[in-house]
């Protein structure tokens, strides 16, 4: 692989690390499904870029811990009519 080319898994991984984005948000940004993002950043990234994988894993764990908060806020906005 040359130094210029980046595969989708690496691009998604860097985006998630840089922004703290969720899998859904990254999928929406790059026009792929959340399943594709998850497969890229867990399976493919682990094999191709182990250091980046570890960084992404930390962000995904943080997002997983906070998801109940985001869900509650979304429900609140829904019923407040926002």
PDB file of N, CA and C in Angstrom:
ATOM      1  N   UNK A   1       0.852  -1.185   0.000  1.00  0.00           N
ATOM      2  CA  UNK A   1       0.000   0.000   0.000  1.00  0.00           C
ATOM      3  C   UNK A   1       0.893   1.242   0.000  1.00  0.00           C
ATOM      4  N   UNK A   2       0.613   2.196  -0.858  1.00  0.00           N
ATOM      5  CA  UNK A   2       1.439   3.402  -0.875  1.00  0.00           C
ATOM      6  C   UNK A   2       1.040   4.350   0.244  1.00  0.00           C
ATOM      7  N   UNK A   3       1.833   5.373   0.495  1.00  0.00           N
ATOM      8  CA  UNK A   3       1.608   6.287   1.607  1.00  0.00           C
ATOM      9  C   UNK A   3       0.419   7.215   1.432  1.00  0.00           C
ATOM     10  N   UNK A   4      -0.078   7.372   0.210  1.00  0.00           N
ATOM     11  CA  UNK A   4      -1.169   8.306  -0.047  1.00  0.00           C
ATOM     12  C   UNK A   4      -2.523   7.637   0.167  1.00  0.00           C
ATOM     13  N   UNK A   5      -2.656   6.402  -0.235  1.00  0.00           N
ATOM     14  CA  UNK A   5      -3.924   5.685  -0.190  1.00  0.00           C
ATOM     15  C   UNK A   5      -4.309   5.333   1.243  1.00  0.00           C
ATOM     16  N   UNK A   6      -5.556   5.619   1.606  1.00  0.00           N
ATOM     17  CA  UNK A   6      -6.090   5.192   2.893  1.00  0.00           C
ATOM     18  C   UNK A   6      -7.350   4.399   2.621  1.00  0.00           C
ATOM     19  N   UNK A   7      -7.498   3.278   3.305  1.00  0.00           N
ATOM     20  CA  UNK A   7      -8.711   2.500   3.109  1.00  0.00           C
ATOM     21  C   UNK A   7      -9.837   3.082   3.970  1.00  0.00           C
ATOM     22  N   UNK A   8     -11.042   2.635   3.680  1.00  0.00           N
ATOM     23  CA  UNK A   8     -12.227   3.165   4.355  1.00  0.00           C
ATOM     24  C   UNK A   8     -12.148   2.962   5.859  1.00  0.00           C
ATOM     25  N   UNK A   9     -11.648   1.810   6.294  1.00  0.00           N
ATOM     26  CA  UNK A   9     -11.558   1.525   7.723  1.00  0.00           C
ATOM     27  C   UNK A   9     -10.665   2.550   8.422  1.00  0.00           C
ATOM     28  N   UNK A  10      -9.558   2.899   7.798  1.00  0.00           N
ATOM     29  CA  UNK A  10      -8.642   3.876   8.388  1.00  0.00           C
ATOM     30  C   UNK A  10      -9.276   5.268   8.415  1.00  0.00           C
ATOM     31  N   UNK A  11      -9.945   5.644   7.355  1.00  0.00           N
ATOM     32  CA  UNK A  11     -10.604   6.954   7.296  1.00  0.00           C
ATOM     33  C   UNK A  11     -11.682   7.049   8.371  1.00  0.00           C
ATOM     34  N   UNK A  12     -12.511   6.007   8.474  1.00  0.00           N
ATOM     35  CA  UNK A  12     -13.556   5.993   9.498  1.00  0.00           C
ATOM     36  C   UNK A  12     -12.949   6.026  10.898  1.00  0.00           C
ATOM     37  N   UNK A  13     -11.905   5.253  11.108  1.00  0.00           N
ATOM     38  CA  UNK A  13     -11.250   5.219  12.412  1.00  0.00           C
ATOM     39  C   UNK A  13     -10.701   6.572  12.817  1.00  0.00           C
ATOM     40  N   UNK A  14     -10.026   7.229  11.896  1.00  0.00           N
ATOM     41  CA  UNK A  14      -9.474   8.553  12.192  1.00  0.00           C
ATOM     42  C   UNK A  14     -10.587   9.556  12.490  1.00  0.00           C
ATOM     43  N   UNK A  15     -11.678   9.472  11.745  1.00  0.00           N
ATOM     44  CA  UNK A  15     -12.807  10.377  11.972  1.00  0.00           C
ATOM     45  C   UNK A  15     -13.399  10.168  13.368  1.00  0.00           C
ATOM     46  N   UNK A  16     -13.591   8.918  13.749  1.00  0.00           N
ATOM     47  CA  UNK A  16     -14.162   8.615  15.058  1.00  0.00           C
ATOM     48  C   UNK A  16     -13.238   9.095  16.181  1.00  0.00           C
ATOM     49  N   UNK A  17     -11.953   8.872  16.037  1.00  0.00           N
ATOM     50  CA  UNK A  17     -10.998   9.311  17.064  1.00  0.00           C
ATOM     51  C   UNK A  17     -10.947  10.837  17.141  1.00  0.00           C
ATOM     52  N   UNK A  18     -10.912  11.496  15.988  1.00  0.00           N
ATOM     53  CA  UNK A  18     -10.800  12.960  15.959  1.00  0.00           C
ATOM     54  C   UNK A  18     -12.039  13.665  16.495  1.00  0.00           C
ATOM     55  N   UNK A  19     -13.212  13.099  16.213  1.00  0.00           N
ATOM     56  CA  UNK A  19     -14.444  13.796  16.568  1.00  0.00           C
ATOM     57  C   UNK A  19     -15.191  13.184  17.745  1.00  0.00           C
ATOM     58  N   UNK A  20     -14.853  11.948  18.097  1.00  0.00           N
ATOM     59  CA  UNK A  20     -15.607  11.258  19.135  1.00  0.00           C
ATOM     60  C   UNK A  20     -16.975  10.820  18.644  1.00  0.00           C
ATOM     61  N   UNK A  21     -17.126  10.721  17.341  1.00  0.00           N
ATOM     62  CA  UNK A  21     -18.414  10.406  16.724  1.00  0.00           C
ATOM     63  C   UNK A  21     -18.875   9.000  17.076  1.00  0.00           C
ATOM     64  N   UNK A  22     -20.179   8.824  17.068  1.00  0.00           N
ATOM     65  CA  UNK A  22     -20.754   7.498  17.235  1.00  0.00           C
ATOM     66  C   UNK A  22     -20.674   6.754  15.906  1.00  0.00           C
ATOM     67  N   UNK A  23     -20.931   5.454  15.956  1.00  0.00           N
ATOM     68  CA  UNK A  23     -20.933   4.641  14.744  1.00  0.00           C
ATOM     69  C   UNK A  23     -21.993   5.159  13.775  1.00  0.00           C
ATOM     70  N   UNK A  24     -23.172   5.498  14.307  1.00  0.00           N
ATOM     71  CA  UNK A  24     -24.245   6.025  13.452  1.00  0.00           C
ATOM     72  C   UNK A  24     -23.841   7.344  12.798  1.00  0.00           C
ATOM     73  N   UNK A  25     -23.246   8.235  13.586  1.00  0.00           N
ATOM     74  CA  UNK A  25     -22.845   9.542  13.050  1.00  0.00           C
ATOM     75  C   UNK A  25     -21.780   9.383  11.968  1.00  0.00           C
ATOM     76  N   UNK A  26     -20.829   8.488  12.188  1.00  0.00           N
ATOM     77  CA  UNK A  26     -19.782   8.255  11.181  1.00  0.00           C
ATOM     78  C   UNK A  26     -20.393   7.674   9.909  1.00  0.00           C
ATOM     79  N   UNK A  27     -21.336   6.760  10.070  1.00  0.00           N
ATOM     80  CA  UNK A  27     -22.002   6.181   8.897  1.00  0.00           C
ATOM     81  C   UNK A  27     -22.733   7.227   8.092  1.00  0.00           C
ATOM     82  N   UNK A  28     -23.438   8.103   8.794  1.00  0.00           N
ATOM     83  CA  UNK A  28     -24.183   9.162   8.123  1.00  0.00           C
ATOM     84  C   UNK A  28     -23.233  10.105   7.383  1.00  0.00           C
ATOM     85  N   UNK A  29     -22.124  10.456   8.024  1.00  0.00           N
ATOM     86  CA  UNK A  29     -21.149  11.369   7.434  1.00  0.00           C
ATOM     87  C   UNK A  29     -20.545  10.804   6.141  1.00  0.00           C
ATOM     88  N   UNK A  30     -20.263   9.497   6.129  1.00  0.00           N
ATOM     89  CA  UNK A  30     -19.585   8.893   4.988  1.00  0.00           C
ATOM     90  C   UNK A  30     -20.515   8.107   4.070  1.00  0.00           C
ATOM     91  N   UNK A  31     -21.813   8.117   4.359  1.00  0.00           N
ATOM     92  CA  UNK A  31     -22.784   7.486   3.472  1.00  0.00           C
ATOM     93  C   UNK A  31     -22.740   5.970   3.470  1.00  0.00           C
ATOM     94  N   UNK A  32     -22.420   5.384   4.618  1.00  0.00           N
ATOM     95  CA  UNK A  32     -22.443   3.929   4.743  1.00  0.00           C
ATOM     96  C   UNK A  32     -23.285   3.566   5.964  1.00  0.00           C
ATOM     97  N   UNK A  33     -23.680   2.312   6.061  1.00  0.00           N
ATOM     98  CA  UNK A  33     -24.518   1.895   7.175  1.00  0.00           C
ATOM     99  C   UNK A  33     -23.702   1.789   8.468  1.00  0.00           C
ATOM    100  N   UNK A  34     -24.411   1.822   9.594  1.00  0.00           N
ATOM    101  CA  UNK A  34     -23.719   1.685  10.870  1.00  0.00           C
ATOM    102  C   UNK A  34     -23.083   0.307  10.983  1.00  0.00           C
ATOM    103  N   UNK A  35     -23.689  -0.695  10.364  1.00  0.00           N
ATOM    104  CA  UNK A  35     -23.115  -2.048  10.373  1.00  0.00           C
ATOM    105  C   UNK A  35     -21.780  -2.075   9.645  1.00  0.00           C
ATOM    106  N   UNK A  36     -21.710  -1.368   8.527  1.00  0.00           N
ATOM    107  CA  UNK A  36     -20.464  -1.288   7.765  1.00  0.00           C
ATOM    108  C   UNK A  36     -19.391  -0.584   8.570  1.00  0.00           C
ATOM    109  N   UNK A  37     -19.747   0.528   9.208  1.00  0.00           N
ATOM    110  CA  UNK A  37     -18.782   1.264  10.032  1.00  0.00           C
ATOM    111  C   UNK A  37     -18.276   0.353  11.143  1.00  0.00           C
ATOM    112  N   UNK A  38     -19.180  -0.312  11.821  1.00  0.00           N
ATOM    113  CA  UNK A  38     -18.787  -1.167  12.935  1.00  0.00           C
ATOM    114  C   UNK A  38     -17.852  -2.282  12.472  1.00  0.00           C
ATOM    115  N   UNK A  39     -18.179  -2.919  11.367  1.00  0.00           N
ATOM    116  CA  UNK A  39     -17.329  -3.996  10.844  1.00  0.00           C
ATOM    117  C   UNK A  39     -15.955  -3.458  10.442  1.00  0.00           C
ATOM    118  N   UNK A  40     -15.938  -2.301   9.795  1.00  0.00           N
ATOM    119  CA  UNK A  40     -14.664  -1.704   9.384  1.00  0.00           C
ATOM    120  C   UNK A  40     -13.775  -1.382  10.583  1.00  0.00           C
ATOM    121  N   UNK A  41     -14.345  -0.736  11.591  1.00  0.00           N
ATOM    122  CA  UNK A  41     -13.501  -0.253  12.698  1.00  0.00           C
ATOM    123  C   UNK A  41     -13.229  -1.312  13.762  1.00  0.00           C
ATOM    124  N   UNK A  42     -13.934  -2.428  13.724  1.00  0.00           N
ATOM    125  CA  UNK A  42     -13.627  -3.479  14.690  1.00  0.00           C
ATOM    126  C   UNK A  42     -12.809  -4.596  14.044  1.00  0.00           C
ATOM    127  N   UNK A  43     -13.277  -5.133  12.951  1.00  0.00           N
ATOM    128  CA  UNK A  43     -12.578  -6.265  12.343  1.00  0.00           C
ATOM    129  C   UNK A  43     -11.438  -5.844  11.422  1.00  0.00           C
ATOM    130  N   UNK A  44     -11.724  -5.012  10.445  1.00  0.00           N
ATOM    131  CA  UNK A  44     -10.710  -4.660   9.444  1.00  0.00           C
ATOM    132  C   UNK A  44      -9.609  -3.788  10.036  1.00  0.00           C
ATOM    133  N   UNK A  45     -10.000  -2.835  10.860  1.00  0.00           N
ATOM    134  CA  UNK A  45      -9.006  -1.934  11.443  1.00  0.00           C
ATOM    135  C   UNK A  45      -8.088  -2.683  12.407  1.00  0.00           C
ATOM    136  N   UNK A  46      -8.621  -3.664  13.108  1.00  0.00           N
ATOM    137  CA  UNK A  46      -7.815  -4.460  14.053  1.00  0.00           C
ATOM    138  C   UNK A  46      -6.665  -5.146  13.317  1.00  0.00           C
ATOM    139  N   UNK A  47      -6.928  -5.653  12.125  1.00  0.00           N
ATOM    140  CA  UNK A  47      -5.893  -6.355  11.349  1.00  0.00           C
ATOM    141  C   UNK A  47      -4.918  -5.390  10.687  1.00  0.00           C
ATOM    142  N   UNK A  48      -5.425  -4.297  10.164  1.00  0.00           N
ATOM    143  CA  UNK A  48      -4.591  -3.421   9.335  1.00  0.00           C
ATOM    144  C   UNK A  48      -3.886  -2.311  10.103  1.00  0.00           C
ATOM    145  N   UNK A  49      -4.536  -1.797  11.141  1.00  0.00           N
ATOM    146  CA  UNK A  49      -3.979  -0.657  11.882  1.00  0.00           C
ATOM    147  C   UNK A  49      -4.256  -0.847  13.379  1.00  0.00           C
ATOM    148  N   UNK A  50      -3.511  -1.740  14.020  1.00  0.00           N
ATOM    149  CA  UNK A  50      -3.816  -2.081  15.419  1.00  0.00           C
ATOM    150  C   UNK A  50      -3.753  -0.891  16.384  1.00  0.00           C
ATOM    151  N   UNK A  51      -2.849   0.041  16.168  1.00  0.00           N
ATOM    152  CA  UNK A  51      -2.749   1.199  17.059  1.00  0.00           C
ATOM    153  C   UNK A  51      -3.998   2.075  16.953  1.00  0.00           C
ATOM    154  N   UNK A  52      -4.426   2.342  15.746  1.00  0.00           N
ATOM    155  CA  UNK A  52      -5.633   3.136  15.528  1.00  0.00           C
ATOM    156  C   UNK A  52      -6.849   2.394  16.070  1.00  0.00           C
ATOM    157  N   UNK A  53      -6.874   1.077  15.901  1.00  0.00           N
ATOM    158  CA  UNK A  53      -7.969   0.271  16.433  1.00  0.00           C
ATOM    159  C   UNK A  53      -8.123   0.482  17.934  1.00  0.00           C
ATOM    160  N   UNK A  54      -7.024   0.497  18.673  1.00  0.00           N
ATOM    161  CA  UNK A  54      -7.087   0.680  20.127  1.00  0.00           C
ATOM    162  C   UNK A  54      -7.666   2.049  20.491  1.00  0.00           C
ATOM    163  N   UNK A  55      -7.327   3.068  19.719  1.00  0.00           N
ATOM    164  CA  UNK A  55      -7.872   4.406  19.962  1.00  0.00           C
ATOM    165  C   UNK A  55      -9.370   4.438  19.679  1.00  0.00           C
ATOM    166  N   UNK A  56      -9.771   3.824  18.581  1.00  0.00           N
ATOM    167  CA  UNK A  56     -11.181   3.772  18.216  1.00  0.00           C
ATOM    168  C   UNK A  56     -11.958   2.999  19.280  1.00  0.00           C
ATOM    169  N   UNK A  57     -11.386   1.912  19.748  1.00  0.00           N
ATOM    170  CA  UNK A  57     -12.036   1.083  20.760  1.00  0.00           C
ATOM    171  C   UNK A  57     -12.347   1.904  22.011  1.00  0.00           C
ATOM    172  N   UNK A  58     -11.434   2.769  22.411  1.00  0.00           N
ATOM    173  CA  UNK A  58     -11.658   3.632  23.574  1.00  0.00           C
ATOM    174  C   UNK A  58     -12.843   4.569  23.340  1.00  0.00           C
ATOM    175  N   UNK A  59     -12.907   5.172  22.173  1.00  0.00           N
ATOM    176  CA  UNK A  59     -14.014   6.084  21.851  1.00  0.00           C
ATOM    177  C   UNK A  59     -15.337   5.324  21.823  1.00  0.00           C
ATOM    178  N   UNK A  60     -15.345   4.140  21.216  1.00  0.00           N
ATOM    179  CA  UNK A  60     -16.576   3.358  21.142  1.00  0.00           C
ATOM    180  C   UNK A  60     -17.049   2.932  22.533  1.00  0.00           C
ATOM    181  N   UNK A  61     -16.125   2.584  23.411  1.00  0.00           N
ATOM    182  CA  UNK A  61     -16.496   2.224  24.784  1.00  0.00           C
ATOM    183  C   UNK A  61     -17.094   3.418  25.517  1.00  0.00           C
ATOM    184  N   UNK A  62     -16.497   4.593  25.325  1.00  0.00           N
ATOM    185  CA  UNK A  62     -17.016   5.816  25.951  1.00  0.00           C
ATOM    186  C   UNK A  62     -18.427   6.101  25.436  1.00  0.00           C
ATOM    187  N   UNK A  63     -18.615   5.981  24.126  1.00  0.00           N
ATOM    188  CA  UNK A  63     -19.934   6.212  23.536  1.00  0.00           C
ATOM    189  C   UNK A  63     -20.957   5.208  24.060  1.00  0.00           C
ATOM    190  N   UNK A  64     -20.523   3.975  24.240  1.00  0.00           N
ATOM    191  CA  UNK A  64     -21.427   2.947  24.751  1.00  0.00           C
ATOM    192  C   UNK A  64     -21.862   3.270  26.185  1.00  0.00           C
ATOM    193  N   UNK A  65     -20.933   3.757  26.986  1.00  0.00           N
ATOM    194  CA  UNK A  65     -21.256   4.126  28.365  1.00  0.00           C
ATOM    195  C   UNK A  65     -22.224   5.307  28.431  1.00  0.00           C
ATOM    196  N   UNK A  66     -22.179   6.179  27.435  1.00  0.00           N
ATOM    197  CA  UNK A  66     -22.989   7.397  27.447  1.00  0.00           C
ATOM    198  C   UNK A  66     -24.292   7.274  26.652  1.00  0.00           C
ATOM    199  N   UNK A  67     -24.527   6.161  26.007  1.00  0.00           N
ATOM    200  CA  UNK A  67     -25.674   6.080  25.103  1.00  0.00           C
ATOM    201  C   UNK A  67     -27.012   6.225  25.805  1.00  0.00           C
ATOM    202  N   UNK A  68     -27.112   5.788  27.045  1.00  0.00           N
ATOM    203  CA  UNK A  68     -28.388   5.941  27.753  1.00  0.00           C
ATOM    204  C   UNK A  68     -28.698   7.417  28.008  1.00  0.00           C
ATOM    205  N   UNK A  69     -27.665   8.220  28.150  1.00  0.00           N
ATOM    206  CA  UNK A  69     -27.861   9.668  28.343  1.00  0.00           C
ATOM    207  C   UNK A  69     -28.366  10.300  27.052  1.00  0.00           C
ATOM    208  N   UNK A  70     -27.734   9.959  25.932  1.00  0.00           N
ATOM    209  CA  UNK A  70     -28.174  10.496  24.634  1.00  0.00           C
ATOM    210  C   UNK A  70     -29.592  10.069  24.322  1.00  0.00           C
ATOM    211  N   UNK A  71     -29.922   8.820  24.648  1.00  0.00           N
ATOM    212  CA  UNK A  71     -31.273   8.318  24.398  1.00  0.00           C
ATOM    213  C   UNK A  71     -32.302   9.076  25.215  1.00  0.00           C
ATOM    214  N   UNK A  72     -31.982   9.360  26.475  1.00  0.00           N
ATOM    215  CA  UNK A  72     -32.892  10.117  27.330  1.00  0.00           C
ATOM    216  C   UNK A  72     -33.097  11.535  26.830  1.00  0.00           C
ATOM    217  N   UNK A  73     -32.023  12.149  26.365  1.00  0.00           N
ATOM    218  CA  UNK A  73     -32.131  13.514  25.834  1.00  0.00           C
ATOM    219  C   UNK A  73     -32.964  13.533  24.554  1.00  0.00           C
ATOM    220  N   UNK A  74     -32.803  12.525  23.711  1.00  0.00           N
ATOM    221  CA  UNK A  74     -33.582  12.447  22.473  1.00  0.00           C
ATOM    222  C   UNK A  74     -35.068  12.292  22.791  1.00  0.00           C
ATOM    223  N   UNK A  75     -35.376  11.467  23.775  1.00  0.00           N
ATOM    224  CA  UNK A  75     -36.781  11.282  24.174  1.00  0.00           C
ATOM    225  C   UNK A  75     -37.343  12.578  24.725  1.00  0.00           C
ATOM    226  N   UNK A  76     -36.563  13.261  25.516  1.00  0.00           N
ATOM    227  CA  UNK A  76     -36.991  14.542  26.086  1.00  0.00           C
ATOM    228  C   UNK A  76     -37.306  15.549  24.978  1.00  0.00           C
ATOM    229  N   UNK A  77     -36.402  15.650  24.000  1.00  0.00           N
ATOM    230  CA  UNK A  77     -36.633  16.577  22.868  1.00  0.00           C
ATOM    231  C   UNK A  77     -37.890  16.184  22.102  1.00  0.00           C
ATOM    232  N   UNK A  78     -38.093  14.898  21.913  1.00  0.00           N
ATOM    233  CA  UNK A  78     -39.252  14.406  21.173  1.00  0.00           C
ATOM    234  C   UNK A  78     -40.552  14.873  21.835  1.00  0.00           C
ATOM    235  N   UNK A  79     -40.630  14.730  23.127  1.00  0.00           N
ATOM    236  CA  UNK A  79     -41.873  15.056  23.816  1.00  0.00           C
ATOM    237  C   UNK A  79     -42.022  16.539  24.132  1.00  0.00           C
ATOM    238  N   UNK A  80     -40.931  17.291  24.034  1.00  0.00           N
ATOM    239  CA  UNK A  80     -41.022  18.738  24.185  1.00  0.00           C
ATOM    240  C   UNK A  80     -41.347  19.422  22.851  1.00  0.00           C
ATOM    241  N   UNK A  81     -41.301  18.639  21.777  1.00  0.00           N
ATOM    242  CA  UNK A  81     -41.647  19.173  20.459  1.00  0.00           C
ATOM    243  C   UNK A  81     -40.512  19.887  19.767  1.00  0.00           C
ATOM    244  N   UNK A  82     -39.278  19.578  20.150  1.00  0.00           N
ATOM    245  CA  UNK A  82     -38.127  20.233  19.515  1.00  0.00           C
ATOM    246  C   UNK A  82     -37.785  19.574  18.207  1.00  0.00           C
TER     247      UNK A  82
END
